Amino acid sequence: MKKITVIGAGFAGLTIALKLAQKGFKVHLHEKSPRLGGLLGTEHGEYGMAERAANSMILTDRSEKLFKEIGLDLAFPLESSKKRFIFRGFPKAMPLNPFEILKVAFTVIPRVLFAKATLKPQAGETLKDWGLRRLGKAATTYLLGPAMQGIYANEAQDLSASLIISPLFKKDREKFRGTISGPQGMQDIVDYLHATLQQLDVEIYLESDLDVSTVEGPVVIATSASAAANILKTRAPELSALLTRVNMSSLISATVFFDKAQTKFKGFGCLIPRGLKLRTFGVLMPPYIFAGRNKTYNETWIMGGKNNQDLLNYSDKDLLDFISKERKTIFKRQDTILDAKIFRWDRALPLYDLELEKIQAELSEKPAPTDIFLHGNYLSGIGLSKILERSERLCEQIASQHGS
């Protein structure tokens, strides 16, 4: 049985450790912090539950298989979650007016039917520029921009069109069938993965600051790009220098519990376009997404990104005052806040910008040493389903090169 070391026990590290152990490797999993899961996790309190970051994952064949492998029941969303809103004066299910819808239809549909390749983005093109060129101003401002900032936690002007749009043209891309979670939240996924790894005799070391230069055999670095750069300074200095160039951005997830429920706009949430003097990226409505999340009505406010780094320095009181002010504009409500769970993630997410587009190209041209494998959300997409897909493919690559 061949030993392999995995550094980092977020979702990437946990799933690659699972796949490698299933292949017959002896896996040693090292995590610098005192807990597993990275950004994933759920906290339960007097007024209800709050997710640390992601509140669900995309349902695909792979994610459904993962839940079965770890023995976790799938929690499916409520019917009300199918409704999504985008703010344009007030939350709207369709933020474009009839004239704007027709303009997009006449622009896009002929290309989809007869010249789909012309929709592919150009190298070095921002998402905003691609949207303006192919969809028009209204669709870019009120559809594309809000949708992508809701996933990548940054604005369209700062995102790479190639990194985000090009994967949509892949013939073998997975079909999305909605969203799922654990019955008691995303912490269930972490806990069930942990239990399954223990059953597979994976050795787990918490609060481990492992010196990778002393490790023999293949190593998977399943951390953020900035952490990977630091880990590889001595063992792979050129690779470390390349990863240092990855720009990182921050995220704030604040679940706020109110004394009264907002019932006018029942749905998954509301995305907030840029240029409206609002800084929030979006508002999730957990009681309308999954059953059992409405002990007390609550909303999860998502903020951060490259252009809102200063929000991380707000005190809890100042941040809640800020949320109350923006909430009055968005929902026209001023309800009493009973409690809040605020999670600040300083420079925890990769910025999917033009620089990362260059870095990924350089990584493909100058791959890591044969005994080092990179894994994380800066390589294949922010979403958990993308990370899971990379875990499976990376496991096959490692097995073909190193056996078990």
Protein backbone atom coordinates (compact mmCIF):
# COMPACT_ATOMS: atom_id res chain seq x y z
CA MET A 1 0.00 0.00 0.00
CA LYS A 2 1.60 3.26 -1.16
CA LYS A 3 1.61 6.29 1.12
CA ILE A 4 0.42 9.66 -0.12
CA THR A 5 0.27 12.92 1.83
CA VAL A 6 -2.58 15.40 1.48
CA ILE A 7 -2.10 18.88 2.93
CA GLY A 8 -5.29 20.83 3.59
CA ALA A 9 -8.60 19.45 4.86
CA GLY A 10 -11.13 21.74 3.27
CA PHE A 11 -13.61 20.22 0.81
CA ALA A 12 -10.83 19.71 -1.76
CA GLY A 13 -8.56 17.91 0.70
CA LEU A 14 -11.33 15.79 2.21
CA THR A 15 -12.65 14.60 -1.16
CA ILE A 16 -9.26 13.87 -2.73
CA ALA A 17 -8.30 11.96 0.45
CA LEU A 18 -11.51 9.94 0.11
CA LYS A 19 -10.91 9.11 -3.56
CA LEU A 20 -7.28 8.15 -2.96
CA ALA A 21 -8.16 5.94 0.02
CA GLN A 22 -10.82 4.23 -2.08
CA LYS A 23 -8.09 3.54 -4.66
CA GLY A 24 -6.02 1.74 -2.04
CA PHE A 25 -3.52 4.46 -1.07
CA LYS A 26 -2.44 4.92 2.53
CA VAL A 27 -3.46 8.54 3.03
CA HIS A 28 -2.04 10.95 5.60
CA LEU A 29 -4.18 14.09 5.81
CA HIS A 30 -2.67 17.20 7.43
CA GLU A 31 -4.64 20.31 8.39
CA LYS A 32 -3.10 23.46 9.87
CA SER A 33 -6.25 24.60 11.70
CA PRO A 34 -7.95 22.79 14.63
CA ARG A 35 -10.97 21.74 12.53
CA LEU A 36 -11.83 20.05 9.25
CA GLY A 37 -13.87 21.63 6.49
CA GLY A 38 -12.17 24.93 5.68
CA LEU A 39 -14.89 27.39 4.71
CA LEU A 40 -17.59 24.71 5.03
CA GLY A 41 -19.47 24.44 8.29
CA THR A 42 -22.71 25.10 10.13
CA GLU A 43 -23.34 26.72 13.49
CA HIS A 44 -26.50 26.14 15.50
CA GLY A 45 -27.76 28.66 18.02
CA GLU A 46 -30.80 29.82 19.95
CA TYR A 47 -32.47 31.36 16.91
CA GLY A 48 -31.48 28.83 14.29
CA MET A 49 -28.60 27.71 12.11
CA ALA A 50 -26.05 29.66 10.11
CA GLU A 51 -23.71 28.46 7.38
CA ARG A 52 -20.10 29.61 7.56
CA ALA A 53 -19.96 30.09 3.76
CA ALA A 54 -21.65 27.88 1.12
CA ASN A 55 -25.25 26.97 2.00
CA SER A 56 -25.57 24.16 -0.59
CA MET A 57 -23.86 22.42 -3.48
CA ILE A 58 -24.92 21.71 -7.03
CA LEU A 59 -26.68 18.38 -7.56
CA THR A 60 -24.84 16.38 -10.22
CA ASP A 61 -24.27 12.67 -10.74
CA ARG A 62 -20.94 13.06 -8.92
CA SER A 63 -22.33 14.88 -5.89
CA GLU A 64 -25.22 12.43 -5.58
CA LYS A 65 -22.71 9.56 -5.71
CA LEU A 66 -20.58 11.26 -3.02
CA PHE A 67 -23.53 11.50 -0.64
CA LYS A 68 -24.26 7.81 -1.14
CA GLU A 69 -20.61 6.85 -0.58
CA ILE A 70 -20.46 8.65 2.77
CA GLY A 71 -23.95 7.54 3.84
CA LEU A 72 -25.47 11.03 3.96
CA ASP A 73 -29.11 11.64 3.07
CA LEU A 74 -29.72 14.36 0.50
CA ALA A 75 -31.69 17.38 1.63
CA PHE A 76 -33.54 18.77 -1.36
CA PRO A 77 -34.67 22.39 -1.59
CA LEU A 78 -38.23 23.57 -1.12
CA GLU A 79 -40.44 24.49 -4.04
CA SER A 80 -40.13 28.16 -3.01
CA SER A 81 -36.38 28.06 -3.70
CA LYS A 82 -37.01 27.88 -7.45
CA LYS A 83 -37.82 31.58 -7.44
CA ARG A 84 -34.79 33.87 -7.73
CA PHE A 85 -34.77 37.66 -7.58
CA ILE A 86 -32.51 40.38 -8.92
CA PHE A 87 -32.81 43.91 -7.58
CA ARG A 88 -33.83 46.65 -9.96
CA GLY A 89 -35.70 49.23 -7.90
CA PHE A 90 -37.15 46.26 -6.01
CA PRO A 91 -36.53 42.48 -6.18
CA LYS A 92 -37.72 41.15 -9.55
CA ALA A 93 -37.88 37.62 -10.92
CA MET A 94 -37.10 39.10 -14.35
CA PRO A 95 -35.16 42.38 -14.11
CA LEU A 96 -35.23 43.11 -17.86
CA ASN A 97 -38.10 44.96 -19.50
CA PRO A 98 -39.82 43.47 -22.60
CA PHE A 99 -37.75 45.58 -25.00
CA GLU A 100 -34.49 44.46 -23.36
CA ILE A 101 -35.61 40.80 -23.44
CA LEU A 102 -36.34 41.01 -27.15
CA LYS A 103 -32.99 42.65 -27.82
CA VAL A 104 -31.13 39.84 -26.03
CA ALA A 105 -33.21 37.19 -27.79
CA PHE A 106 -32.50 38.58 -31.27
CA THR A 107 -28.81 38.92 -30.40
CA VAL A 108 -28.14 35.58 -28.72
CA ILE A 109 -30.58 32.98 -30.06
CA PRO A 110 -29.34 33.07 -33.70
CA ARG A 111 -25.77 32.59 -32.49
CA VAL A 112 -26.74 29.69 -30.20
CA LEU A 113 -28.55 27.99 -33.07
CA PHE A 114 -26.21 28.69 -35.97
CA ALA A 115 -22.89 30.10 -34.74
CA LYS A 116 -22.34 29.00 -31.15
CA ALA A 117 -18.55 29.18 -31.48
CA THR A 118 -18.76 32.95 -31.96
CA LEU A 119 -20.03 33.26 -28.38
CA LYS A 120 -16.75 31.95 -26.98
CA PRO A 121 -14.78 34.64 -25.12
CA GLN A 122 -11.46 35.98 -26.30
CA ALA A 123 -8.24 35.53 -24.34
CA GLY A 124 -7.62 38.45 -22.00
CA GLU A 125 -11.26 39.59 -22.10
CA THR A 126 -13.09 40.53 -18.92
CA LEU A 127 -16.51 39.09 -18.20
CA LYS A 128 -18.03 42.56 -18.39
CA ASP A 129 -16.48 43.24 -21.82
CA TRP A 130 -17.65 39.86 -23.12
CA GLY A 131 -21.16 40.53 -21.82
CA LEU A 132 -21.33 43.96 -23.39
CA ARG A 133 -20.06 42.55 -26.69
CA ARG A 134 -22.36 39.52 -26.81
CA LEU A 135 -25.38 40.25 -24.58
CA GLY A 136 -25.69 44.02 -24.37
CA LYS A 137 -25.61 46.45 -21.46
CA ALA A 138 -28.91 45.57 -19.77
CA ALA A 139 -28.36 41.80 -19.74
CA THR A 140 -24.77 42.25 -18.56
CA THR A 141 -25.74 44.64 -15.76
CA TYR A 142 -28.88 42.91 -14.52
CA LEU A 143 -28.34 39.22 -15.37
CA LEU A 144 -24.77 38.16 -16.13
CA GLY A 145 -23.00 40.39 -13.63
CA PRO A 146 -25.18 39.58 -10.59
CA ALA A 147 -25.25 35.85 -11.39
CA MET A 148 -21.47 35.54 -11.64
CA GLN A 149 -20.69 37.78 -8.67
CA GLY A 150 -23.02 35.53 -6.67
CA ILE A 151 -20.71 32.62 -7.47
CA TYR A 152 -17.26 34.21 -7.68
CA ALA A 153 -17.79 36.96 -5.07
CA ASN A 154 -16.36 39.64 -7.35
CA GLU A 155 -17.59 42.06 -9.98
CA ALA A 156 -17.82 41.28 -13.71
CA GLN A 157 -15.26 43.97 -14.55
CA ASP A 158 -12.68 42.08 -12.47
CA LEU A 159 -13.42 38.56 -13.75
CA SER A 160 -11.97 36.62 -16.68
CA ALA A 161 -14.54 35.70 -19.34
CA SER A 162 -12.37 32.83 -20.54
CA LEU A 163 -12.17 31.19 -17.11
CA ILE A 164 -15.88 31.53 -16.42
CA ILE A 165 -17.63 31.23 -19.80
CA SER A 166 -15.37 28.82 -21.72
CA PRO A 167 -16.19 25.77 -19.51
CA LEU A 168 -19.83 26.15 -20.60
CA PHE A 169 -18.78 25.08 -24.11
CA LYS A 170 -17.32 21.74 -22.98
CA LYS A 171 -19.21 18.80 -24.43
CA ASP A 172 -18.58 16.59 -21.38
CA ARG A 173 -19.61 19.09 -18.72
CA GLU A 174 -21.85 17.78 -15.99
CA LYS A 175 -25.56 18.40 -16.01
CA PHE A 176 -26.82 20.47 -13.09
CA ARG A 177 -30.02 19.20 -11.48
CA GLY A 178 -30.59 21.73 -8.72
CA THR A 179 -28.97 22.03 -5.29
CA ILE A 180 -28.55 19.80 -2.24
CA SER A 181 -27.34 20.02 1.32
CA GLY A 182 -27.12 17.84 4.40
CA PRO A 183 -30.28 17.54 6.54
CA GLN A 184 -28.63 19.62 9.27
CA GLY A 185 -26.60 21.85 6.98
CA MET A 186 -23.25 21.76 5.23
CA GLN A 187 -21.45 20.61 8.38
CA ASP A 188 -23.08 17.22 7.71
CA ILE A 189 -20.91 16.83 4.61
CA VAL A 190 -17.76 17.55 6.62
CA ASP A 191 -18.76 15.20 9.45
CA TYR A 192 -19.76 12.31 7.18
CA LEU A 193 -16.60 12.69 5.09
CA HIS A 194 -14.58 12.64 8.31
CA ALA A 195 -16.30 9.46 9.52
CA THR A 196 -15.81 7.73 6.16
CA LEU A 197 -12.11 8.66 6.08
CA GLN A 198 -11.70 7.14 9.53
CA GLN A 199 -13.36 3.94 8.32
CA LEU A 200 -10.85 3.85 5.45
CA ASP A 201 -7.95 4.22 7.96
CA VAL A 202 -6.91 7.66 6.73
CA GLU A 203 -4.56 9.20 9.30
CA ILE A 204 -5.71 12.75 10.11
CA TYR A 205 -3.47 15.32 11.79
CA LEU A 206 -5.03 18.59 12.97
CA GLU A 207 -3.01 21.70 13.87
CA SER A 208 -0.24 20.27 11.73
CA ASP A 209 2.27 22.68 10.21
CA LEU A 210 3.97 20.06 8.06
CA ASP A 211 7.27 20.89 6.35
CA VAL A 212 6.65 19.49 2.87
CA SER A 213 10.38 19.40 2.08
CA THR A 214 10.75 16.55 4.58
CA VAL A 215 7.94 14.43 3.11
CA GLU A 216 8.78 11.41 0.96
CA GLY A 217 6.47 10.27 -1.81
CA PRO A 218 3.69 12.07 -3.66
CA VAL A 219 2.06 15.09 -2.03
CA VAL A 220 -1.28 16.76 -2.80
CA ILE A 221 -1.40 20.43 -1.83
CA ALA A 222 -5.14 21.04 -1.34
CA THR A 223 -5.05 24.54 0.10
CA SER A 224 -5.62 28.09 -1.08
CA ALA A 225 -3.17 29.36 -3.66
CA SER A 226 -1.50 31.67 -1.14
CA ALA A 227 -1.08 28.86 1.39
CA ALA A 228 0.25 26.53 -1.33
CA ALA A 229 2.81 29.17 -2.35
CA ASN A 230 4.07 29.34 1.23
CA ILE A 231 4.16 25.54 1.63
CA LEU A 232 6.19 25.07 -1.57
CA LYS A 233 8.79 27.79 -0.99
CA THR A 234 11.67 25.39 -0.36
CA ARG A 235 10.56 22.25 -2.25
CA ALA A 236 9.36 23.93 -5.46
CA PRO A 237 10.41 27.62 -5.44
CA GLU A 238 9.45 28.34 -9.09
CA LEU A 239 5.99 26.90 -8.58
CA SER A 240 5.70 28.82 -5.32
CA ALA A 241 6.57 32.08 -7.07
CA LEU A 242 3.89 31.41 -9.71
CA LEU A 243 1.20 30.75 -7.10
CA THR A 244 2.18 33.91 -5.23
CA ARG A 245 0.80 35.86 -8.18
CA VAL A 246 -2.75 34.56 -7.61
CA ASN A 247 -4.81 37.49 -6.35
CA MET A 248 -6.97 36.69 -3.35
CA SER A 249 -10.20 38.35 -2.30
CA SER A 250 -12.27 38.33 0.86
CA LEU A 251 -15.75 37.22 1.78
CA ILE A 252 -18.22 38.08 4.52
CA SER A 253 -21.20 35.84 5.23
CA ALA A 254 -23.59 37.31 7.81
CA THR A 255 -26.70 35.36 8.82
CA VAL A 256 -29.09 37.78 10.49
CA PHE A 257 -32.13 36.71 12.53
CA PHE A 258 -35.14 39.06 12.56
CA ASP A 259 -38.21 39.37 14.78
CA LYS A 260 -40.52 39.38 11.74
CA ALA A 261 -40.44 37.41 8.51
CA GLN A 262 -40.09 38.99 5.10
CA THR A 263 -42.87 37.31 3.14
CA LYS A 264 -43.32 39.51 0.07
CA PHE A 265 -40.35 38.00 -1.79
CA LYS A 266 -40.16 34.29 -1.06
CA GLY A 267 -37.34 32.55 -2.91
CA PHE A 268 -33.73 31.40 -2.97
CA GLY A 269 -32.48 34.95 -2.62
CA CYS A 270 -31.90 38.28 -4.28
CA LEU A 271 -28.79 39.33 -6.22
CA ILE A 272 -27.71 42.96 -6.29
CA PRO A 273 -26.29 44.44 -9.54
CA ARG A 274 -23.39 46.88 -9.39
CA GLY A 275 -23.82 50.59 -10.04
CA LEU A 276 -26.83 51.03 -7.75
CA LYS A 277 -24.94 52.47 -4.75
CA LEU A 278 -25.36 49.14 -2.95
CA ARG A 279 -22.37 47.09 -1.86
CA THR A 280 -24.01 43.78 -0.95
CA PHE A 281 -23.54 41.02 -3.55
CA GLY A 282 -26.65 39.12 -2.62
CA VAL A 283 -29.10 38.06 0.08
CA LEU A 284 -30.00 34.40 0.62
CA MET A 285 -33.27 33.39 2.32
CA PRO A 286 -32.55 30.07 4.09
CA PRO A 287 -36.12 29.52 5.39
CA TYR A 288 -37.34 29.48 1.78
CA ILE A 289 -34.52 27.22 0.52
CA PHE A 290 -34.45 24.16 2.80
CA ALA A 291 -36.94 22.78 5.31
CA GLY A 292 -36.10 23.15 8.98
CA ARG A 293 -34.16 26.40 8.55
CA ASN A 294 -36.92 28.69 9.86
CA LYS A 295 -36.72 28.41 13.64
CA THR A 296 -36.55 32.21 13.45
CA TYR A 297 -36.74 34.03 10.13
CA ASN A 298 -33.23 34.82 8.87
CA GLU A 299 -31.32 36.07 5.85
CA THR A 300 -27.71 35.49 4.85
CA TRP A 301 -26.00 38.61 3.51
CA ILE A 302 -23.00 38.05 1.23
CA MET A 303 -20.40 40.82 0.87
CA GLY A 304 -16.73 41.23 0.05
CA GLY A 305 -14.63 40.96 -3.08
CA LYS A 306 -11.73 42.95 -4.42
CA ASN A 307 -13.47 46.32 -4.13
CA ASN A 308 -14.98 45.89 -0.66
CA GLN A 309 -12.01 44.82 1.42
CA ASP A 310 -12.72 47.60 3.95
CA LEU A 311 -15.94 45.87 5.07
CA LEU A 312 -13.83 43.26 6.86
CA ASN A 313 -12.66 45.95 9.26
CA TYR A 314 -16.20 46.89 10.30
CA SER A 315 -17.18 45.94 13.83
CA ASP A 316 -20.16 43.63 14.21
CA LYS A 317 -22.34 46.61 15.16
CA ASP A 318 -21.20 48.70 12.19
CA LEU A 319 -21.70 45.77 9.82
CA LEU A 320 -25.24 45.16 11.08
CA ASP A 321 -26.02 48.89 10.78
CA PHE A 322 -24.75 48.70 7.20
CA ILE A 323 -26.94 45.66 6.48
CA SER A 324 -30.00 47.36 8.00
CA LYS A 325 -29.45 50.38 5.76
CA GLU A 326 -29.09 48.32 2.59
CA ARG A 327 -32.02 46.12 3.60
CA LYS A 328 -34.25 49.18 3.86
CA THR A 329 -33.37 50.02 0.24
CA ILE A 330 -33.77 46.47 -1.07
CA PHE A 331 -36.77 45.12 0.85
CA LYS A 332 -38.19 48.38 2.22
CA ARG A 333 -38.18 46.90 5.73
CA GLN A 334 -36.77 47.82 9.15
CA ASP A 335 -37.22 44.79 11.39
CA THR A 336 -35.54 44.24 14.73
CA ILE A 337 -32.36 42.14 14.64
CA LEU A 338 -32.47 39.40 17.29
CA ASP A 339 -29.06 37.90 16.62
CA ALA A 340 -26.41 37.49 13.93
CA LYS A 341 -23.64 35.08 13.03
CA ILE A 342 -20.90 36.86 11.10
CA PHE A 343 -18.08 35.00 9.34
CA ARG A 344 -15.18 36.98 7.92
CA TRP A 345 -12.87 35.24 5.43
CA ASP A 346 -9.86 37.46 4.83
CA ARG A 347 -8.31 36.84 1.37
CA ALA A 348 -9.72 33.31 1.37
CA LEU A 349 -10.99 33.11 -2.21
CA PRO A 350 -9.05 33.29 -5.48
CA LEU A 351 -9.96 36.17 -7.77
CA TYR A 352 -10.86 34.67 -11.16
CA ASP A 353 -9.27 37.57 -13.00
CA LEU A 354 -7.10 37.95 -16.09
CA GLU A 355 -3.99 37.28 -14.02
CA LEU A 356 -5.35 33.89 -12.93
CA GLU A 357 -6.11 33.18 -16.59
CA LYS A 358 -2.40 33.70 -17.34
CA ILE A 359 -1.31 31.67 -14.31
CA GLN A 360 -3.45 28.68 -15.26
CA ALA A 361 -1.99 28.77 -18.77
CA GLU A 362 1.55 28.82 -17.32
CA LEU A 363 0.71 25.92 -15.01
CA SER A 364 -0.38 23.84 -18.00
CA GLU A 365 2.83 24.68 -19.85
CA LYS A 366 5.10 24.18 -16.82
CA PRO A 367 3.42 21.55 -14.64
CA ALA A 368 4.42 20.86 -11.06
CA PRO A 369 7.13 18.29 -10.25
CA THR A 370 5.91 14.73 -10.77
CA ASP A 371 5.55 14.10 -7.02
CA ILE A 372 3.56 17.29 -6.30
CA PHE A 373 -0.11 17.72 -7.21
CA LEU A 374 -2.05 20.95 -6.84
CA HIS A 375 -5.71 20.97 -5.91
CA GLY A 376 -8.03 23.78 -4.89
CA ASN A 377 -10.62 26.35 -5.88
CA TYR A 378 -8.14 28.41 -7.92
CA LEU A 379 -7.77 25.65 -10.53
CA SER A 380 -11.19 24.47 -11.66
CA GLY A 381 -13.86 26.77 -10.30
CA ILE A 382 -15.13 28.08 -6.98
CA GLY A 383 -18.11 25.71 -6.70
CA LEU A 384 -18.01 22.52 -4.67
CA SER A 385 -19.19 20.44 -7.63
CA LYS A 386 -16.19 21.66 -9.66
CA ILE A 387 -13.83 20.83 -6.81
CA LEU A 388 -15.35 17.35 -6.51
CA GLU A 389 -14.93 16.80 -10.25
CA ARG A 390 -11.25 17.76 -9.99
CA SER A 391 -10.81 15.42 -7.00
CA GLU A 392 -11.94 12.46 -9.11
CA ARG A 393 -9.83 13.36 -12.13
CA LEU A 394 -6.77 14.15 -10.03
CA CYS A 395 -7.12 10.83 -8.21
CA GLU A 396 -7.08 8.98 -11.55
CA GLN A 397 -3.98 10.93 -12.62
CA ILE A 398 -2.15 10.12 -9.38
CA ALA A 399 -3.10 6.44 -9.58
CA SER A 400 -1.85 6.19 -13.16
CA GLN A 401 1.50 7.77 -12.23
CA HIS A 402 2.13 6.29 -8.81
CA GLY A 403 -0.11 3.25 -8.46
CA SER A 404 -1.40 2.31 -5.04
